[in-house]
Amino acid sequence: MDSTQTEVILRRFEIPDEVREMVRGRFEIVRLGGLTIGRATYQTGWRWSKQVGPAVGASRCTVEHVGLVLSGAATAAFEDGRVIELRPGDLFYNPTRSA
């Protein structure tokens, strides 16, 4: 590559850097440049409050999320009572932080 070419990095979730298996779910992580990108796959009935929360000692997820729903549906429930339904094609940003 000469000095005028830009390096392109290609990655696929089929070869992730890390896989997190959980009851009724799977999370694959790929590190790309300075970014960490995850792909979540959940079975019907998966709930963060049941499958993840007890293991980390929390009632709510406090991690920032940016995502795209590819299929199925997801629900984000907040402490203030808001509930947001996410459907295929929805892009979302949730700047969740600890209270």
Protein backbone atom coordinates (compact mmCIF):
# COMPACT_ATOMS: atom_id res chain seq x y z
CA MET A 1 0.00 0.00 0.00
CA ASP A 2 1.44 3.40 -0.90
CA SER A 3 1.13 6.51 1.26
CA THR A 4 -1.94 7.81 -0.64
CA GLN A 5 -4.09 4.74 0.08
CA THR A 6 -6.35 4.48 3.10
CA GLU A 7 -6.35 1.21 5.01
CA VAL A 8 -9.74 -0.49 5.20
CA ILE A 9 -10.48 -2.95 7.98
CA LEU A 10 -13.14 -5.56 7.31
CA ARG A 11 -14.62 -7.73 10.06
CA ARG A 12 -17.61 -10.04 10.38
CA PHE A 13 -19.65 -11.15 13.37
CA GLU A 14 -19.12 -14.75 12.25
CA ILE A 15 -15.57 -14.37 13.64
CA PRO A 16 -16.10 -12.25 16.80
CA ASP A 17 -13.39 -11.19 19.25
CA GLU A 18 -15.57 -12.27 22.16
CA VAL A 19 -18.83 -14.16 22.68
CA ARG A 20 -20.99 -13.83 25.78
CA GLU A 21 -23.50 -16.65 26.16
CA MET A 22 -26.39 -16.20 28.55
CA VAL A 23 -29.68 -17.89 29.27
CA ARG A 24 -31.88 -17.24 26.22
CA GLY A 25 -29.32 -14.99 24.57
CA ARG A 26 -25.97 -14.47 22.91
CA PHE A 27 -23.84 -11.35 22.49
CA GLU A 28 -21.00 -11.27 19.97
CA ILE A 29 -18.39 -8.52 20.19
CA VAL A 30 -16.16 -7.24 17.40
CA ARG A 31 -13.48 -4.60 17.94
CA LEU A 32 -12.95 -2.45 14.87
CA GLY A 33 -10.46 0.40 14.96
CA GLY A 34 -11.25 2.22 18.20
CA LEU A 35 -14.85 0.96 18.35
CA THR A 36 -16.46 -1.98 20.09
CA ILE A 37 -19.56 -3.24 18.27
CA GLY A 38 -21.92 -5.91 19.54
CA ARG A 39 -24.57 -8.10 17.98
CA ALA A 40 -27.23 -9.35 20.36
CA THR A 41 -29.51 -12.28 19.62
CA TYR A 42 -32.27 -13.02 22.12
CA GLN A 43 -34.87 -15.76 22.31
CA THR A 44 -38.50 -14.91 22.98
CA GLY A 45 -38.94 -14.11 26.66
CA TRP A 46 -35.37 -12.86 27.24
CA ARG A 47 -35.25 -10.04 29.79
CA TRP A 48 -32.21 -8.13 30.95
CA SER A 49 -33.75 -7.93 34.43
CA LYS A 50 -33.92 -11.75 34.63
CA GLN A 51 -31.03 -13.05 32.52
CA VAL A 52 -28.35 -10.42 33.27
CA GLY A 53 -29.35 -8.14 36.17
CA PRO A 54 -29.13 -10.70 39.00
CA ALA A 55 -25.62 -11.74 37.90
CA VAL A 56 -24.37 -8.14 37.99
CA GLY A 57 -26.41 -7.06 41.03
CA ALA A 58 -28.44 -4.39 39.22
CA SER A 59 -32.10 -3.82 38.42
CA ARG A 60 -31.41 -1.73 35.29
CA CYS A 61 -28.74 -1.74 32.60
CA THR A 62 -26.51 1.35 32.88
CA VAL A 63 -24.57 0.95 29.63
CA GLU A 64 -24.93 3.38 26.73
CA HIS A 65 -26.53 1.76 23.65
CA VAL A 66 -26.59 2.58 19.95
CA GLY A 67 -28.29 0.01 17.79
CA LEU A 68 -30.45 -1.19 14.96
CA VAL A 69 -33.23 -3.74 15.38
CA LEU A 70 -32.93 -6.25 12.53
CA SER A 71 -35.78 -8.58 13.40
CA GLY A 72 -38.21 -9.34 16.17
CA ALA A 73 -38.95 -6.73 18.79
CA ALA A 74 -37.41 -5.35 21.96
CA THR A 75 -38.67 -3.25 24.83
CA ALA A 76 -36.70 -0.69 26.81
CA ALA A 77 -38.24 0.05 30.22
CA PHE A 78 -37.00 2.99 32.26
CA GLU A 79 -37.15 3.74 35.98
CA ASP A 80 -39.37 6.78 35.32
CA GLY A 81 -42.03 4.44 33.91
CA ARG A 82 -41.43 5.03 30.20
CA VAL A 83 -41.56 1.94 28.00
CA ILE A 84 -40.31 2.10 24.42
CA GLU A 85 -41.01 -0.63 21.88
CA LEU A 86 -38.27 -1.23 19.31
CA ARG A 87 -39.21 -2.83 16.00
CA PRO A 88 -37.28 -3.94 12.88
CA GLY A 89 -35.72 -0.96 11.15
CA ASP A 90 -35.60 1.18 14.31
CA LEU A 91 -32.28 2.86 14.98
CA PHE A 92 -31.88 3.80 18.61
CA TYR A 93 -29.59 5.67 20.99
CA ASN A 94 -30.00 5.21 24.72
CA PRO A 95 -27.53 7.24 26.80
CA THR A 96 -28.37 5.17 29.90
CA ARG A 97 -26.29 6.05 32.93
CA SER A 98 -26.37 5.13 36.58
CA ALA A 99 -28.61 7.38 38.62
